[in-house]
Amino acid sequence: MSKKIPIAEHLDDRQYSVLQMTYANHNSSMGLKERVNYDLSHIVKVEVNEEENCLNVHYDTGEWWHYCPNGTWY
């Protein structure tokens, strides 16, 4: 696996794959203007949420999403 972004180094390979896949899906759903605020460099924290089987991905905008293993987010 490629080098992990520093904010997500604590994730295991499976969790990091979920982050990459769901981030790509989430990012591609946005318009170009919105994407600027949600680049990988704007992620400030990634938490493993075992209860909901997802990752809680926090952005510097104050917003955060659940990133799910099936590539969706909410």
Protein backbone atom coordinates (compact mmCIF):
# COMPACT_ATOMS: atom_id res chain seq x y z
CA MET A 1 0.00 0.00 0.00
CA SER A 2 1.16 3.53 -0.70
CA LYS A 3 2.33 5.87 2.04
CA LYS A 4 -0.56 6.99 4.25
CA ILE A 5 -1.41 10.62 4.79
CA PRO A 6 -0.14 11.67 8.24
CA ILE A 7 -3.59 12.27 9.74
CA ALA A 8 -4.53 8.64 8.96
CA GLU A 9 -1.34 6.75 9.82
CA HIS A 10 -3.13 5.04 12.72
CA LEU A 11 -5.56 3.26 10.37
CA ASP A 12 -4.92 -0.33 9.36
CA ASP A 13 -4.75 -1.14 5.64
CA ARG A 14 -8.45 -2.06 5.36
CA GLN A 15 -9.54 1.13 7.13
CA TYR A 16 -7.21 3.22 4.98
CA SER A 17 -8.67 1.63 1.85
CA VAL A 18 -12.15 2.63 3.06
CA LEU A 19 -10.90 6.18 3.57
CA GLN A 20 -9.37 6.34 0.08
CA MET A 21 -12.34 4.81 -1.74
CA THR A 22 -15.03 6.76 0.07
CA TYR A 23 -13.06 10.01 -0.12
CA ALA A 24 -12.77 9.54 -3.91
CA ASN A 25 -16.52 8.92 -4.21
CA HIS A 26 -17.37 11.84 -1.93
CA ASN A 27 -14.96 14.20 -3.68
CA SER A 28 -16.23 13.29 -7.16
CA SER A 29 -19.80 14.06 -6.07
CA MET A 30 -18.88 17.72 -5.44
CA GLY A 31 -18.58 20.60 -7.83
CA LEU A 32 -15.15 22.11 -8.46
CA LYS A 33 -15.74 25.10 -6.17
CA GLU A 34 -16.80 22.88 -3.26
CA ARG A 35 -13.95 20.40 -3.80
CA VAL A 36 -11.36 23.03 -2.94
CA ASN A 37 -12.56 22.99 0.70
CA TYR A 38 -12.52 19.19 0.95
CA ASP A 39 -9.11 18.24 -0.34
CA LEU A 40 -7.27 15.53 1.62
CA SER A 41 -5.13 18.26 3.16
CA HIS A 42 -8.28 19.67 4.82
CA ILE A 43 -8.91 16.51 6.87
CA VAL A 44 -8.03 17.26 10.50
CA LYS A 45 -9.03 14.00 12.18
CA VAL A 46 -10.03 10.45 11.29
CA GLU A 47 -11.64 8.34 14.00
CA VAL A 48 -12.48 4.66 13.80
CA ASN A 49 -16.15 4.22 14.76
CA GLU A 50 -16.42 0.52 15.54
CA GLU A 51 -20.04 0.76 16.75
CA GLU A 52 -21.22 1.97 13.34
CA ASN A 53 -18.51 0.18 11.30
CA CYS A 54 -17.31 3.38 9.67
CA LEU A 55 -14.74 6.16 9.88
CA ASN A 56 -15.60 9.59 11.26
CA VAL A 57 -13.76 11.98 8.95
CA HIS A 58 -13.45 15.56 10.22
CA TYR A 59 -12.59 18.51 7.97
CA ASP A 60 -11.19 21.90 8.92
CA THR A 61 -14.52 23.45 7.92
CA GLY A 62 -15.99 21.94 11.10
CA GLU A 63 -18.01 19.42 9.10
CA TRP A 64 -17.55 15.68 9.34
CA TRP A 65 -18.97 12.56 7.73
CA HIS A 66 -19.23 8.86 8.36
CA TYR A 67 -17.22 7.11 5.62
CA CYS A 68 -18.57 3.57 5.17
CA PRO A 69 -16.89 0.40 3.88
CA ASN A 70 -19.28 0.25 0.90
CA GLY A 71 -17.96 3.61 -0.38
CA THR A 72 -20.86 5.75 0.82
CA TRP A 73 -20.92 8.55 3.34
CA TYR A 74 -23.50 10.30 5.48
